[in-house]
Amino acid sequence: MGRRVALAAGVGALLGLAWWGMFELISSGTVCTFEEWGCLGAFVTAVPIFGVVAMVLGWLALRSLSVSRAGLVALPATLMAVVAMILLLGVTFLAFAVFAALYALIAVLTAPRGEGVVEGS
């Protein structure tokens, strides 16, 4: 169980850093203009795209690391992390911690029965 949680937290942390980078790129005005709805429009468009891409990347990463039920970890953890980061817009530097914590939590909650249990106890 510890390996599963550590791998999920690591994948979540990397996705959180990607969220932070995306948000900083948009808020700096590098990929949009500050005229009218430019950067807000870019953010509103980028959030669902990031959510889907992060979910697929998280699932593929966990699956390639042989984590069982990788899809059941990636789907809810990514959705909850994206919603949490939308609510925490002012503190985007915490994205890696939010993603890592939610991925680790969901990895614990979706672990197959008996995983991590010592035989005979």
N, C-alpha and C. Protein backbone atom coordinates (compact mmCIF):
# COMPACT_ATOMS: atom_id res chain seq x y z
N MET A 1 0.83 -1.19 0.00
CA MET A 1 0.00 0.00 0.00
C MET A 1 0.87 1.25 0.00
N GLY A 2 1.99 1.22 0.70
CA GLY A 2 2.85 2.39 0.76
C GLY A 2 3.42 2.78 -0.60
N ARG A 3 3.77 1.77 -1.40
CA ARG A 3 4.28 2.03 -2.75
C ARG A 3 3.21 2.70 -3.60
N ARG A 4 2.00 2.18 -3.50
CA ARG A 4 0.87 2.72 -4.27
C ARG A 4 0.62 4.19 -3.91
N VAL A 5 0.62 4.50 -2.63
CA VAL A 5 0.37 5.87 -2.17
C VAL A 5 1.51 6.79 -2.58
N ALA A 6 2.74 6.33 -2.44
CA ALA A 6 3.90 7.16 -2.80
C ALA A 6 3.93 7.46 -4.30
N LEU A 7 3.65 6.45 -5.12
CA LEU A 7 3.63 6.68 -6.57
C LEU A 7 2.50 7.62 -6.96
N ALA A 8 1.33 7.43 -6.36
CA ALA A 8 0.20 8.31 -6.66
C ALA A 8 0.51 9.74 -6.23
N ALA A 9 1.10 9.92 -5.07
CA ALA A 9 1.45 11.26 -4.60
C ALA A 9 2.48 11.91 -5.52
N GLY A 10 3.44 11.13 -6.00
CA GLY A 10 4.44 11.66 -6.92
C GLY A 10 3.84 12.11 -8.24
N VAL A 11 2.95 11.28 -8.80
CA VAL A 11 2.27 11.66 -10.04
C VAL A 11 1.41 12.90 -9.80
N GLY A 12 0.71 12.94 -8.68
CA GLY A 12 -0.10 14.11 -8.35
C GLY A 12 0.73 15.37 -8.20
N ALA A 13 1.88 15.25 -7.58
CA ALA A 13 2.75 16.42 -7.41
C ALA A 13 3.22 16.95 -8.76
N LEU A 14 3.56 16.05 -9.68
CA LEU A 14 3.98 16.50 -11.01
C LEU A 14 2.84 17.19 -11.76
N LEU A 15 1.64 16.65 -11.62
CA LEU A 15 0.49 17.29 -12.26
C LEU A 15 0.18 18.64 -11.60
N GLY A 16 0.40 18.73 -10.31
CA GLY A 16 0.22 20.01 -9.62
C GLY A 16 1.21 21.06 -10.09
N LEU A 17 2.44 20.63 -10.33
CA LEU A 17 3.43 21.57 -10.87
C LEU A 17 3.04 22.01 -12.28
N ALA A 18 2.46 21.10 -13.05
CA ALA A 18 1.98 21.47 -14.39
C ALA A 18 0.85 22.48 -14.30
N TRP A 19 -0.05 22.31 -13.31
CA TRP A 19 -1.14 23.28 -13.11
C TRP A 19 -0.56 24.65 -12.76
N TRP A 20 0.38 24.67 -11.86
CA TRP A 20 1.01 25.91 -11.44
C TRP A 20 1.66 26.60 -12.63
N GLY A 21 2.38 25.84 -13.44
CA GLY A 21 3.01 26.40 -14.62
C GLY A 21 1.99 26.95 -15.61
N MET A 22 0.90 26.22 -15.83
CA MET A 22 -0.14 26.69 -16.74
C MET A 22 -0.75 28.00 -16.22
N PHE A 23 -1.05 28.03 -14.93
CA PHE A 23 -1.66 29.24 -14.36
C PHE A 23 -0.70 30.43 -14.44
N GLU A 24 0.56 30.22 -14.13
CA GLU A 24 1.53 31.32 -14.20
C GLU A 24 1.74 31.80 -15.63
N LEU A 25 1.71 30.88 -16.57
CA LEU A 25 1.84 31.25 -17.98
C LEU A 25 0.67 32.12 -18.43
N ILE A 26 -0.52 31.76 -18.01
CA ILE A 26 -1.69 32.55 -18.38
C ILE A 26 -1.71 33.89 -17.64
N SER A 27 -1.45 33.87 -16.35
CA SER A 27 -1.54 35.11 -15.57
C SER A 27 -0.44 36.11 -15.90
N SER A 28 0.66 35.65 -16.49
CA SER A 28 1.72 36.57 -16.86
C SER A 28 1.41 37.31 -18.16
N GLY A 29 0.42 36.84 -18.90
CA GLY A 29 0.07 37.47 -20.16
C GLY A 29 0.90 37.00 -21.33
N THR A 30 1.67 35.96 -21.14
CA THR A 30 2.54 35.44 -22.20
C THR A 30 1.72 34.84 -23.34
N VAL A 31 0.64 34.15 -23.02
CA VAL A 31 -0.16 33.46 -24.03
C VAL A 31 -1.49 34.15 -24.31
N CYS A 32 -1.70 35.31 -23.73
CA CYS A 32 -2.97 36.02 -23.93
C CYS A 32 -2.72 37.52 -23.76
N THR A 33 -3.74 38.29 -24.04
CA THR A 33 -3.65 39.74 -23.84
C THR A 33 -4.54 40.11 -22.66
N PHE A 34 -4.23 41.22 -22.04
CA PHE A 34 -5.02 41.67 -20.91
C PHE A 34 -6.20 42.54 -21.36
N GLU A 35 -6.40 42.67 -22.65
CA GLU A 35 -7.52 43.45 -23.18
C GLU A 35 -8.79 42.62 -23.13
N GLU A 36 -9.88 43.26 -22.79
CA GLU A 36 -11.20 42.64 -22.70
C GLU A 36 -11.15 41.34 -21.90
N TRP A 37 -11.50 40.22 -22.50
CA TRP A 37 -11.60 38.95 -21.80
C TRP A 37 -10.44 38.01 -22.13
N GLY A 38 -9.35 38.53 -22.68
CA GLY A 38 -8.26 37.71 -23.18
C GLY A 38 -7.75 36.65 -22.23
N CYS A 39 -7.21 37.05 -21.08
CA CYS A 39 -6.61 36.07 -20.16
C CYS A 39 -7.68 35.27 -19.41
N LEU A 40 -8.79 35.89 -19.10
CA LEU A 40 -9.88 35.15 -18.46
C LEU A 40 -10.43 34.10 -19.42
N GLY A 41 -10.58 34.47 -20.66
CA GLY A 41 -11.04 33.51 -21.66
C GLY A 41 -10.06 32.37 -21.84
N ALA A 42 -8.77 32.68 -21.82
CA ALA A 42 -7.75 31.64 -21.94
C ALA A 42 -7.82 30.70 -20.74
N PHE A 43 -8.02 31.25 -19.55
CA PHE A 43 -8.10 30.42 -18.35
C PHE A 43 -9.34 29.54 -18.37
N VAL A 44 -10.48 30.11 -18.73
CA VAL A 44 -11.73 29.35 -18.76
C VAL A 44 -11.65 28.23 -19.80
N THR A 45 -10.94 28.47 -20.88
CA THR A 45 -10.77 27.44 -21.90
C THR A 45 -9.74 26.40 -21.46
N ALA A 46 -8.68 26.83 -20.80
CA ALA A 46 -7.59 25.93 -20.44
C ALA A 46 -7.94 24.97 -19.30
N VAL A 47 -8.81 25.38 -18.38
CA VAL A 47 -9.09 24.55 -17.21
C VAL A 47 -9.70 23.19 -17.59
N PRO A 48 -10.78 23.14 -18.38
CA PRO A 48 -11.30 21.81 -18.71
C PRO A 48 -10.34 20.98 -19.57
N ILE A 49 -9.62 21.66 -20.45
CA ILE A 49 -8.64 20.93 -21.27
C ILE A 49 -7.55 20.35 -20.38
N PHE A 50 -7.06 21.16 -19.44
CA PHE A 50 -6.05 20.66 -18.51
C PHE A 50 -6.59 19.50 -17.69
N GLY A 51 -7.84 19.61 -17.24
CA GLY A 51 -8.43 18.54 -16.44
C GLY A 51 -8.45 17.21 -17.18
N VAL A 52 -8.87 17.23 -18.43
CA VAL A 52 -8.94 15.99 -19.22
C VAL A 52 -7.54 15.46 -19.50
N VAL A 53 -6.64 16.34 -19.92
CA VAL A 53 -5.27 15.91 -20.24
C VAL A 53 -4.57 15.39 -18.98
N ALA A 54 -4.72 16.07 -17.86
CA ALA A 54 -4.09 15.63 -16.61
C ALA A 54 -4.65 14.29 -16.15
N MET A 55 -5.95 14.09 -16.32
CA MET A 55 -6.56 12.83 -15.93
C MET A 55 -5.99 11.68 -16.77
N VAL A 56 -5.90 11.88 -18.07
CA VAL A 56 -5.36 10.84 -18.95
C VAL A 56 -3.88 10.59 -18.64
N LEU A 57 -3.11 11.67 -18.47
CA LEU A 57 -1.69 11.50 -18.15
C LEU A 57 -1.48 10.82 -16.80
N GLY A 58 -2.29 11.20 -15.81
CA GLY A 58 -2.20 10.56 -14.50
C GLY A 58 -2.54 9.09 -14.58
N TRP A 59 -3.58 8.74 -15.33
CA TRP A 59 -3.96 7.35 -15.49
C TRP A 59 -2.85 6.57 -16.19
N LEU A 60 -2.32 7.12 -17.29
CA LEU A 60 -1.25 6.44 -18.02
C LEU A 60 0.01 6.28 -17.17
N ALA A 61 0.35 7.32 -16.42
CA ALA A 61 1.55 7.24 -15.57
C ALA A 61 1.38 6.19 -14.48
N LEU A 62 0.24 6.19 -13.83
CA LEU A 62 0.02 5.20 -12.76
C LEU A 62 -0.06 3.78 -13.34
N ARG A 63 -0.69 3.66 -14.49
CA ARG A 63 -0.77 2.33 -15.12
C ARG A 63 0.61 1.83 -15.54
N SER A 64 1.44 2.73 -16.05
CA SER A 64 2.79 2.32 -16.46
C SER A 64 3.65 1.96 -15.25
N LEU A 65 3.30 2.49 -14.09
CA LEU A 65 4.02 2.16 -12.85
C LEU A 65 3.41 0.95 -12.14
N SER A 66 2.49 0.28 -12.81
CA SER A 66 1.83 -0.94 -12.31
C SER A 66 1.02 -0.70 -11.04
N VAL A 67 0.39 0.45 -10.95
CA VAL A 67 -0.51 0.73 -9.83
C VAL A 67 -1.88 0.19 -10.21
N SER A 68 -2.44 -0.69 -9.37
CA SER A 68 -3.74 -1.27 -9.67
C SER A 68 -4.83 -0.20 -9.55
N ARG A 69 -5.86 -0.36 -10.36
CA ARG A 69 -6.99 0.57 -10.40
C ARG A 69 -6.54 2.01 -10.66
N ALA A 70 -5.65 2.17 -11.62
CA ALA A 70 -5.09 3.49 -11.91
C ALA A 70 -6.16 4.49 -12.33
N GLY A 71 -7.13 4.04 -13.10
CA GLY A 71 -8.20 4.94 -13.54
C GLY A 71 -9.06 5.43 -12.40
N LEU A 72 -9.28 4.55 -11.41
CA LEU A 72 -10.08 4.95 -10.25
C LEU A 72 -9.35 5.92 -9.35
N VAL A 73 -8.05 6.02 -9.50
CA VAL A 73 -7.28 7.02 -8.76
C VAL A 73 -7.26 8.33 -9.54
N ALA A 74 -6.95 8.24 -10.83
CA ALA A 74 -6.75 9.45 -11.63
C ALA A 74 -8.02 10.26 -11.84
N LEU A 75 -9.13 9.62 -12.10
CA LEU A 75 -10.36 10.35 -12.40
C LEU A 75 -10.84 11.23 -11.25
N PRO A 76 -11.16 10.68 -10.08
CA PRO A 76 -11.67 11.55 -9.01
C PRO A 76 -10.61 12.49 -8.44
N ALA A 77 -9.36 12.03 -8.36
CA ALA A 77 -8.32 12.87 -7.78
C ALA A 77 -8.08 14.11 -8.64
N THR A 78 -8.04 13.93 -9.95
CA THR A 78 -7.83 15.08 -10.84
C THR A 78 -9.01 16.03 -10.79
N LEU A 79 -10.22 15.49 -10.84
CA LEU A 79 -11.40 16.37 -10.79
C LEU A 79 -11.46 17.17 -9.49
N MET A 80 -11.20 16.51 -8.38
CA MET A 80 -11.24 17.22 -7.10
C MET A 80 -10.12 18.24 -6.99
N ALA A 81 -8.94 17.89 -7.49
CA ALA A 81 -7.81 18.81 -7.41
C ALA A 81 -8.05 20.05 -8.28
N VAL A 82 -8.60 19.87 -9.47
CA VAL A 82 -8.87 21.02 -10.34
C VAL A 82 -9.92 21.93 -9.71
N VAL A 83 -10.96 21.35 -9.15
CA VAL A 83 -11.98 22.16 -8.48
C VAL A 83 -11.39 22.89 -7.27
N ALA A 84 -10.57 22.19 -6.50
CA ALA A 84 -9.93 22.82 -5.34
C ALA A 84 -9.04 23.98 -5.77
N MET A 85 -8.30 23.80 -6.85
CA MET A 85 -7.40 24.86 -7.30
C MET A 85 -8.16 26.04 -7.89
N ILE A 86 -9.33 25.80 -8.45
CA ILE A 86 -10.16 26.92 -8.92
C ILE A 86 -10.62 27.73 -7.71
N LEU A 87 -10.98 27.05 -6.64
CA LEU A 87 -11.40 27.74 -5.43
C LEU A 87 -10.24 28.44 -4.72
N LEU A 88 -9.02 27.95 -4.92
CA LEU A 88 -7.83 28.52 -4.28
C LEU A 88 -6.99 29.30 -5.28
N LEU A 89 -7.62 30.09 -6.12
CA LEU A 89 -6.89 30.80 -7.18
C LEU A 89 -5.75 31.67 -6.66
N GLY A 90 -5.88 32.21 -5.50
CA GLY A 90 -4.85 33.11 -4.98
C GLY A 90 -3.60 32.41 -4.48
N VAL A 91 -3.66 31.12 -4.29
CA VAL A 91 -2.51 30.39 -3.75
C VAL A 91 -2.12 29.24 -4.67
N THR A 92 -1.84 29.56 -5.90
CA THR A 92 -1.54 28.52 -6.88
C THR A 92 -0.23 27.79 -6.59
N PHE A 93 0.65 28.37 -5.77
CA PHE A 93 1.90 27.70 -5.44
C PHE A 93 1.65 26.45 -4.60
N LEU A 94 0.46 26.26 -4.07
CA LEU A 94 0.12 25.06 -3.31
C LEU A 94 -0.41 23.94 -4.20
N ALA A 95 -0.43 24.15 -5.51
CA ALA A 95 -1.03 23.18 -6.41
C ALA A 95 -0.38 21.81 -6.30
N PHE A 96 0.95 21.78 -6.21
CA PHE A 96 1.60 20.47 -6.14
C PHE A 96 1.20 19.72 -4.87
N ALA A 97 1.02 20.44 -3.77
CA ALA A 97 0.63 19.80 -2.52
C ALA A 97 -0.82 19.32 -2.57
N VAL A 98 -1.70 20.12 -3.16
CA VAL A 98 -3.11 19.74 -3.27
C VAL A 98 -3.26 18.52 -4.15
N PHE A 99 -2.62 18.53 -5.32
CA PHE A 99 -2.69 17.39 -6.22
C PHE A 99 -2.09 16.15 -5.56
N ALA A 100 -0.93 16.28 -4.94
CA ALA A 100 -0.27 15.14 -4.30
C ALA A 100 -1.14 14.55 -3.18
N ALA A 101 -1.70 15.41 -2.35
CA ALA A 101 -2.52 14.94 -1.24
C ALA A 101 -3.78 14.24 -1.73
N LEU A 102 -4.42 14.79 -2.74
CA LEU A 102 -5.64 14.16 -3.24
C LEU A 102 -5.35 12.86 -3.97
N TYR A 103 -4.28 12.81 -4.72
CA TYR A 103 -3.90 11.55 -5.37
C TYR A 103 -3.57 10.48 -4.33
N ALA A 104 -2.85 10.85 -3.28
CA ALA A 104 -2.51 9.89 -2.23
C ALA A 104 -3.77 9.42 -1.50
N LEU A 105 -4.66 10.34 -1.19
CA LEU A 105 -5.91 9.98 -0.50
C LEU A 105 -6.75 9.03 -1.33
N ILE A 106 -6.93 9.34 -2.59
CA ILE A 106 -7.73 8.49 -3.45
C ILE A 106 -7.05 7.14 -3.66
N ALA A 107 -5.72 7.11 -3.69
CA ALA A 107 -5.01 5.84 -3.81
C ALA A 107 -5.29 4.95 -2.61
N VAL A 108 -5.39 5.53 -1.43
CA VAL A 108 -5.72 4.75 -0.24
C VAL A 108 -7.16 4.26 -0.32
N LEU A 109 -8.07 5.14 -0.72
CA LEU A 109 -9.49 4.79 -0.74
C LEU A 109 -9.84 3.77 -1.80
N THR A 110 -9.10 3.71 -2.88
CA THR A 110 -9.42 2.79 -3.97
C THR A 110 -8.53 1.56 -4.00
N ALA A 111 -7.73 1.35 -2.97
CA ALA A 111 -6.84 0.18 -2.94
C ALA A 111 -7.67 -1.09 -2.91
N PRO A 112 -7.22 -2.11 -3.65
CA PRO A 112 -7.95 -3.39 -3.62
C PRO A 112 -7.94 -3.97 -2.21
N ARG A 113 -8.97 -4.71 -1.90
CA ARG A 113 -9.06 -5.34 -0.58
C ARG A 113 -7.89 -6.24 -0.33
N GLY A 114 -7.35 -6.14 0.84
CA GLY A 114 -6.26 -7.02 1.21
C GLY A 114 -4.88 -6.50 0.83
N GLU A 115 -4.81 -5.43 0.04
CA GLU A 115 -3.51 -4.90 -0.32
C GLU A 115 -2.91 -4.23 0.90
N GLY A 116 -1.70 -4.57 1.21
CA GLY A 116 -1.01 -3.98 2.35
C GLY A 116 -1.26 -4.71 3.65
N VAL A 117 -2.12 -5.75 3.61
CA VAL A 117 -2.41 -6.53 4.81
C VAL A 117 -1.42 -7.69 4.88
N VAL A 118 -0.81 -7.87 6.03
CA VAL A 118 0.14 -8.95 6.22
C VAL A 118 -0.63 -10.26 6.37
N GLU A 119 -0.20 -11.28 5.64
CA GLU A 119 -0.85 -12.59 5.67
C GLU A 119 -0.79 -13.19 7.07
N GLY A 120 -1.90 -13.66 7.54
CA GLY A 120 -1.92 -14.33 8.82
C GLY A 120 -2.16 -13.42 10.00
N SER A 121 -2.43 -12.16 9.77
CA SER A 121 -2.66 -11.28 10.91
C SER A 121 -4.12 -11.10 11.20
